Amino acid sequence: MANPERNEPCPCGSGKKFKKCHGAPAAAPPRSATPVMRFDAVASFLARDGLQPGCYDSPEFLEIEQRLGDPRILEDYAASVLTRPQTPGEARRVRDVVEVVTKKLVEEAPYRDLLGGCQRMSLALVRMLERAGVWCFAVKGSARFDFDPRLGITPTFFYTRDVIDFPGGCAGHAWVVAPPFVVIDCTTRTQLWQHGEEAHVPSRVLVESATIVEPALDLHTAPPLRAEYIAPQAIAGLREFWAWMRTVRVAVGPVRITYQPGGIILPPPTEPLEALPLKIGGRQAAAFFDEAIAPSLRVPAGAA
């Protein structure tokens, strides 16, 4: 469904003109929400010159991670990616790389072969972007899809905390952050949609600016589990995380998507691109990158 003209009514049903509603320029994330790193050892390591994307796989980082034994170390890595100075030239290069990689992924990876695989695909995307020299990380969380009222589709929720309530059901959603992009999502159609909604969702979402919205505890946890997971002791940690890893809403064609983070995820060191348990377009992930993507990026095949 094409967007309406700027002066036509917005299809969301608000009664406003499109240019003053979902056609208005998106608000950029506020710079005041700067992530603060918790661990001095991690901060010192990540402040070094010459580090490359994916340095969380290095023996020294792994030693720090094992010694401190706190999963929030991955949040510190994400914080360093978000706060790295980025020149206009680097931002242009990231845009070019992301465009090439994500376009190839959605063209050559039939989404029906990846149903329920949003996390696996997002981690594969992280590995591919890192191989192309892009700083990035993946986010697991919740997603809410609100469709154009004219489609007659009720809002659909994928919760961070959920129960398996249909065959093959899985919890939540996953996407990638690679500044200047606040959302890179190639897996909207791989969710286990029940009523053909995937025909109306975009094959990829690339967003540099998004509307910041207040995080919703009701979006974090599915109704049957709320008494267990929305306890006061659990909320404190979530609110601290949400203070800098923001909940954002984007409008793409006939759907608005709310992305609410639940945690940072990165590929384990035992799963470089060559070992990822995922086939893309009938090829192992590393072969797909080397054959389908690297030539367009002028990246040597097998480059780390």
Protein backbone atom coordinates (compact mmCIF):
# COMPACT_ATOMS: atom_id res chain seq x y z
CA MET A 1 0.00 0.00 0.00
CA ALA A 2 1.52 3.33 -1.06
CA ASN A 3 1.70 6.25 1.32
CA PRO A 4 -0.98 8.92 0.77
CA GLU A 5 -0.19 12.40 -0.49
CA ARG A 6 1.03 14.82 2.18
CA ASN A 7 -2.28 16.68 2.45
CA GLU A 8 -4.49 13.59 2.45
CA PRO A 9 -5.87 12.11 5.71
CA CYS A 10 -3.43 9.84 7.50
CA PRO A 11 -4.41 6.16 7.06
CA CYS A 12 -3.93 5.53 10.80
CA GLY A 13 -7.34 7.09 11.40
CA SER A 14 -6.14 9.99 13.57
CA GLY A 15 -8.02 12.55 11.48
CA LYS A 16 -4.81 14.53 10.86
CA LYS A 17 -3.21 15.18 7.51
CA PHE A 18 -0.56 12.62 6.61
CA LYS A 19 2.21 15.28 6.68
CA LYS A 20 1.35 16.10 10.30
CA CYS A 21 0.97 12.52 11.46
CA HIS A 22 2.85 9.45 10.18
CA GLY A 23 4.28 11.43 7.28
CA ALA A 24 6.00 13.88 9.61
CA PRO A 25 9.80 13.69 9.94
CA ALA A 26 10.82 11.25 12.66
CA ALA A 27 12.32 12.61 15.83
CA ALA A 28 15.98 11.77 16.32
CA PRO A 29 16.91 9.96 19.54
CA PRO A 30 17.91 12.49 22.21
CA ARG A 31 21.64 12.72 22.80
CA SER A 32 21.10 13.19 26.54
CA ALA A 33 20.41 9.47 26.93
CA THR A 34 24.09 8.55 26.84
CA PRO A 35 24.87 5.01 27.99
CA VAL A 36 27.22 4.76 30.95
CA MET A 37 29.64 1.84 31.08
CA ARG A 38 29.60 -0.09 34.34
CA PHE A 39 32.87 -1.99 34.31
CA ASP A 40 36.23 -0.21 34.39
CA ALA A 41 38.07 -3.23 32.97
CA VAL A 42 35.76 -3.35 29.96
CA ALA A 43 35.87 0.41 29.49
CA SER A 44 39.68 0.42 29.54
CA PHE A 45 39.84 -2.39 27.01
CA LEU A 46 37.33 -0.78 24.64
CA ALA A 47 39.07 2.60 24.85
CA ARG A 48 42.17 1.24 23.12
CA ASP A 49 43.14 2.34 19.64
CA GLY A 50 43.10 -0.14 16.80
CA LEU A 51 40.24 -2.34 17.98
CA GLN A 52 38.09 -3.88 15.28
CA PRO A 53 34.36 -4.72 15.23
CA GLY A 54 33.83 -8.05 16.96
CA CYS A 55 36.65 -7.53 19.44
CA TYR A 56 34.43 -9.12 22.12
CA ASP A 57 35.76 -12.39 20.67
CA SER A 58 39.34 -11.55 21.60
CA PRO A 59 41.01 -13.65 24.34
CA GLU A 60 41.49 -10.57 26.51
CA PHE A 61 37.85 -9.53 26.37
CA LEU A 62 36.76 -13.11 27.03
CA GLU A 63 39.07 -13.26 30.04
CA ILE A 64 37.53 -10.06 31.43
CA GLU A 65 34.05 -11.43 30.76
CA GLN A 66 34.82 -14.71 32.54
CA ARG A 67 36.50 -12.99 35.48
CA LEU A 68 33.67 -10.51 36.08
CA GLY A 69 30.93 -13.02 35.29
CA ASP A 70 28.22 -10.44 34.64
CA PRO A 71 26.04 -10.62 31.52
CA ARG A 72 25.75 -6.82 31.54
CA ILE A 73 29.29 -6.72 30.11
CA LEU A 74 27.64 -7.10 26.71
CA GLU A 75 25.69 -3.93 27.48
CA ASP A 76 29.02 -2.16 27.96
CA TYR A 77 30.13 -3.34 24.53
CA ALA A 78 26.87 -2.02 23.05
CA ALA A 79 27.37 1.27 24.89
CA SER A 80 30.83 1.62 23.37
CA VAL A 81 29.39 1.05 19.88
CA LEU A 82 26.74 3.73 20.44
CA THR A 83 29.16 6.31 21.79
CA ARG A 84 32.06 5.80 19.34
CA PRO A 85 32.84 8.98 17.40
CA GLN A 86 31.76 8.51 13.80
CA THR A 87 32.89 10.69 10.93
CA PRO A 88 30.50 11.56 8.07
CA GLY A 89 32.64 9.39 5.81
CA GLU A 90 32.29 6.38 8.08
CA ALA A 91 28.54 6.92 8.35
CA ARG A 92 28.28 6.93 4.53
CA ARG A 93 30.30 3.73 4.35
CA VAL A 94 28.07 2.04 6.94
CA ARG A 95 24.99 3.05 4.96
CA ASP A 96 26.46 1.57 1.80
CA VAL A 97 27.45 -1.69 3.52
CA VAL A 98 24.10 -2.09 5.28
CA GLU A 99 22.22 -1.46 2.04
CA VAL A 100 24.18 -4.13 0.17
CA VAL A 101 24.13 -6.76 2.92
CA THR A 102 20.48 -6.46 3.88
CA LYS A 103 19.29 -6.29 0.27
CA LYS A 104 21.12 -9.54 -0.51
CA LEU A 105 19.73 -11.19 2.62
CA VAL A 106 16.09 -10.46 1.89
CA GLU A 107 16.50 -11.29 -1.81
CA GLU A 108 18.24 -14.64 -1.38
CA ALA A 109 16.96 -15.96 1.95
CA PRO A 110 13.35 -17.15 1.51
CA TYR A 111 11.66 -16.04 4.71
CA ARG A 112 9.64 -19.26 4.91
CA ASP A 113 12.91 -21.13 5.37
CA LEU A 114 13.71 -18.99 8.41
CA LEU A 115 10.41 -18.98 10.30
CA GLY A 116 11.01 -18.27 13.96
CA GLY A 117 14.66 -17.52 13.19
CA CYS A 118 14.86 -13.80 13.87
CA GLN A 119 17.61 -14.19 16.48
CA ARG A 120 19.71 -16.55 14.35
CA MET A 121 19.44 -14.24 11.35
CA SER A 122 20.21 -11.14 13.42
CA LEU A 123 23.35 -12.75 14.82
CA ALA A 124 24.37 -13.78 11.30
CA LEU A 125 23.85 -10.18 10.19
CA VAL A 126 26.09 -8.99 13.04
CA ARG A 127 28.86 -11.35 11.89
CA MET A 128 28.52 -10.19 8.28
CA LEU A 129 28.58 -6.51 9.15
CA GLU A 130 31.59 -7.04 11.41
CA ARG A 131 33.40 -8.84 8.60
CA ALA A 132 32.74 -5.75 6.48
CA GLY A 133 34.20 -3.54 9.23
CA VAL A 134 30.95 -2.20 10.73
CA TRP A 135 30.52 -1.74 14.49
CA CYS A 136 27.20 -3.23 15.54
CA PHE A 137 25.34 -5.43 18.00
CA ALA A 138 22.04 -7.29 18.16
CA VAL A 139 19.10 -6.62 20.45
CA LYS A 140 16.50 -9.07 21.66
CA GLY A 141 13.24 -7.65 22.82
CA SER A 142 9.57 -7.14 22.10
CA ALA A 143 7.86 -5.90 18.99
CA ARG A 144 4.35 -4.61 18.45
CA PHE A 145 2.88 -4.33 14.95
CA ASP A 146 -0.02 -1.90 14.45
CA PHE A 147 -1.61 -2.16 11.02
CA ASP A 148 -3.49 0.40 8.96
CA PRO A 149 -7.09 0.22 10.23
CA ARG A 150 -8.30 -0.29 6.67
CA LEU A 151 -6.62 -3.71 6.66
CA GLY A 152 -8.79 -4.92 9.55
CA ILE A 153 -5.82 -6.57 11.31
CA THR A 154 -5.62 -6.39 15.09
CA PRO A 155 -2.29 -5.34 16.68
CA THR A 156 0.18 -8.21 16.96
CA PHE A 157 2.60 -8.62 19.88
CA PHE A 158 5.85 -10.56 20.13
CA TYR A 159 6.87 -10.42 23.79
CA THR A 160 10.34 -10.65 25.30
CA ARG A 161 8.88 -12.94 27.96
CA ASP A 162 6.31 -15.29 26.54
CA VAL A 163 4.85 -18.76 26.68
CA ILE A 164 4.68 -21.16 23.76
CA ASP A 165 1.00 -20.78 22.97
CA PHE A 166 0.95 -22.14 19.44
CA PRO A 167 2.93 -24.86 17.60
CA GLY A 168 6.52 -23.72 17.12
CA GLY A 169 5.83 -20.50 19.00
CA CYS A 170 8.83 -18.53 20.18
CA ALA A 171 9.32 -15.46 22.31
CA GLY A 172 10.12 -11.97 21.22
CA HIS A 173 11.94 -10.46 18.29
CA ALA A 174 15.50 -9.49 17.43
CA TRP A 175 17.10 -6.72 15.39
CA VAL A 176 20.49 -5.07 14.86
CA VAL A 177 21.86 -1.64 15.76
CA ALA A 178 24.76 -0.21 13.72
CA PRO A 179 25.18 3.57 14.04
CA PRO A 180 23.88 5.62 12.34
CA PHE A 181 21.09 3.02 12.16
CA VAL A 182 18.98 2.61 15.29
CA VAL A 183 17.10 -0.35 13.77
CA ILE A 184 18.16 -2.84 11.10
CA ASP A 185 15.55 -5.57 10.82
CA CYS A 186 15.55 -8.19 8.07
CA THR A 187 13.33 -10.65 9.89
CA THR A 188 9.88 -9.13 10.25
CA ARG A 189 8.48 -11.75 7.89
CA THR A 190 10.18 -14.65 9.66
CA GLN A 191 7.91 -14.30 12.68
CA LEU A 192 5.28 -17.00 13.09
CA TRP A 193 2.37 -14.98 11.77
CA GLN A 194 -0.98 -16.71 12.08
CA HIS A 195 -3.23 -14.96 9.57
CA GLY A 196 -1.10 -13.90 6.61
CA GLU A 197 -0.01 -10.61 8.18
CA GLU A 198 3.47 -11.06 6.68
CA ALA A 199 2.06 -9.87 3.35
CA HIS A 200 1.76 -6.39 4.86
CA VAL A 201 5.04 -6.11 6.77
CA PRO A 202 8.26 -4.89 5.12
CA SER A 203 10.96 -7.37 4.18
CA ARG A 204 13.52 -5.08 5.83
CA VAL A 205 13.49 -2.05 8.08
CA LEU A 206 16.42 0.39 7.96
CA VAL A 207 15.93 3.33 10.31
CA GLU A 208 18.35 6.09 11.30
CA SER A 209 15.87 8.27 13.20
CA ALA A 210 12.88 6.99 15.09
CA THR A 211 10.23 8.31 17.42
CA ILE A 212 11.20 7.63 21.02
CA VAL A 213 8.32 6.24 23.08
CA GLU A 214 8.01 5.32 26.72
CA PRO A 215 8.76 1.66 27.38
CA ALA A 216 5.73 -0.38 28.37
CA LEU A 217 5.92 -3.19 30.88
CA ASP A 218 2.85 -4.67 29.23
CA LEU A 219 4.85 -5.01 26.01
CA HIS A 220 7.76 -6.69 27.78
CA THR A 221 5.82 -9.68 29.14
CA ALA A 222 2.92 -11.73 27.83
CA PRO A 223 -0.23 -11.58 30.01
CA PRO A 224 0.07 -15.09 31.57
CA LEU A 225 3.55 -14.28 32.93
CA ARG A 226 3.16 -10.72 34.16
CA ALA A 227 2.73 -11.57 37.82
CA GLU A 228 6.07 -13.40 37.70
CA TYR A 229 8.17 -11.09 35.53
CA ILE A 230 6.86 -7.62 36.30
CA ALA A 231 7.86 -7.76 39.94
CA PRO A 232 9.47 -4.67 41.56
CA GLN A 233 12.91 -6.28 41.72
CA ALA A 234 12.81 -7.07 37.98
CA ILE A 235 11.56 -3.65 36.95
CA ALA A 236 14.52 -1.76 38.44
CA GLY A 237 17.04 -3.41 36.12
CA LEU A 238 14.79 -2.97 33.12
CA ARG A 239 14.28 0.72 33.74
CA GLU A 240 18.03 1.24 34.07
CA PHE A 241 18.54 -0.50 30.72
CA TRP A 242 15.72 1.41 29.03
CA ALA A 243 17.20 4.73 30.15
CA TRP A 244 19.75 4.47 27.32
CA MET A 245 18.60 1.58 25.10
CA ARG A 246 15.45 3.28 24.02
CA THR A 247 12.08 1.98 22.86
CA VAL A 248 11.38 3.32 19.37
CA ARG A 249 8.46 3.37 16.97
CA VAL A 250 8.74 3.46 13.19
CA ALA A 251 6.16 3.70 10.42
CA VAL A 252 6.79 1.67 7.28
CA GLY A 253 4.00 1.59 4.70
CA PRO A 254 0.79 0.27 6.28
CA VAL A 255 2.35 -0.79 9.58
CA ARG A 256 3.81 0.90 12.65
CA ILE A 257 6.36 -1.18 14.53
CA THR A 258 7.34 -0.58 18.16
CA TYR A 259 10.75 -2.00 19.05
CA GLN A 260 11.27 -2.40 22.79
CA PRO A 261 14.68 -3.75 23.88
CA GLY A 262 14.97 -6.53 26.41
CA GLY A 263 18.70 -7.21 26.27
CA ILE A 264 21.88 -7.18 24.20
CA ILE A 265 22.95 -10.31 22.34
CA LEU A 266 26.18 -11.05 20.46
CA PRO A 267 27.34 -14.21 18.69
CA PRO A 268 29.29 -16.55 20.99
CA PRO A 269 33.00 -16.94 20.18
CA THR A 270 32.32 -20.56 19.21
CA GLU A 271 30.17 -19.34 16.33
CA PRO A 272 32.16 -17.30 13.83
CA LEU A 273 30.46 -16.83 10.50
CA GLU A 274 31.86 -20.17 9.32
CA ALA A 275 30.22 -22.02 12.21
CA LEU A 276 26.81 -20.36 12.39
CA PRO A 277 24.05 -22.99 12.27
CA LEU A 278 22.21 -21.19 9.50
CA LYS A 279 21.88 -21.57 5.75
CA ILE A 280 21.08 -18.57 3.58
CA GLY A 281 19.93 -19.12 0.04
CA GLY A 282 20.97 -22.76 0.34
CA ARG A 283 24.51 -21.86 1.39
CA GLN A 284 26.30 -21.81 4.69
CA ALA A 285 26.45 -18.25 6.03
CA ALA A 286 30.17 -17.70 5.36
CA ALA A 287 29.88 -19.01 1.80
CA PHE A 288 26.86 -16.77 1.23
CA PHE A 289 28.85 -13.75 2.40
CA ASP A 290 31.93 -14.61 0.33
CA GLU A 291 30.00 -15.38 -2.85
CA ALA A 292 27.00 -13.04 -2.75
CA ILE A 293 28.12 -10.05 -0.67
CA ALA A 294 31.91 -9.66 -0.54
CA PRO A 295 32.31 -8.94 -4.29
CA SER A 296 29.90 -6.00 -4.04
CA LEU A 297 31.70 -4.64 -0.99
CA ARG A 298 35.21 -5.33 -2.30
CA VAL A 299 35.88 -7.26 0.89
CA PRO A 300 38.28 -10.21 0.51
CA ALA A 301 36.56 -13.58 0.89
CA GLY A 302 37.09 -15.00 4.35
CA ALA A 303 38.32 -11.67 5.75
CA ALA A 304 38.04 -11.46 9.51
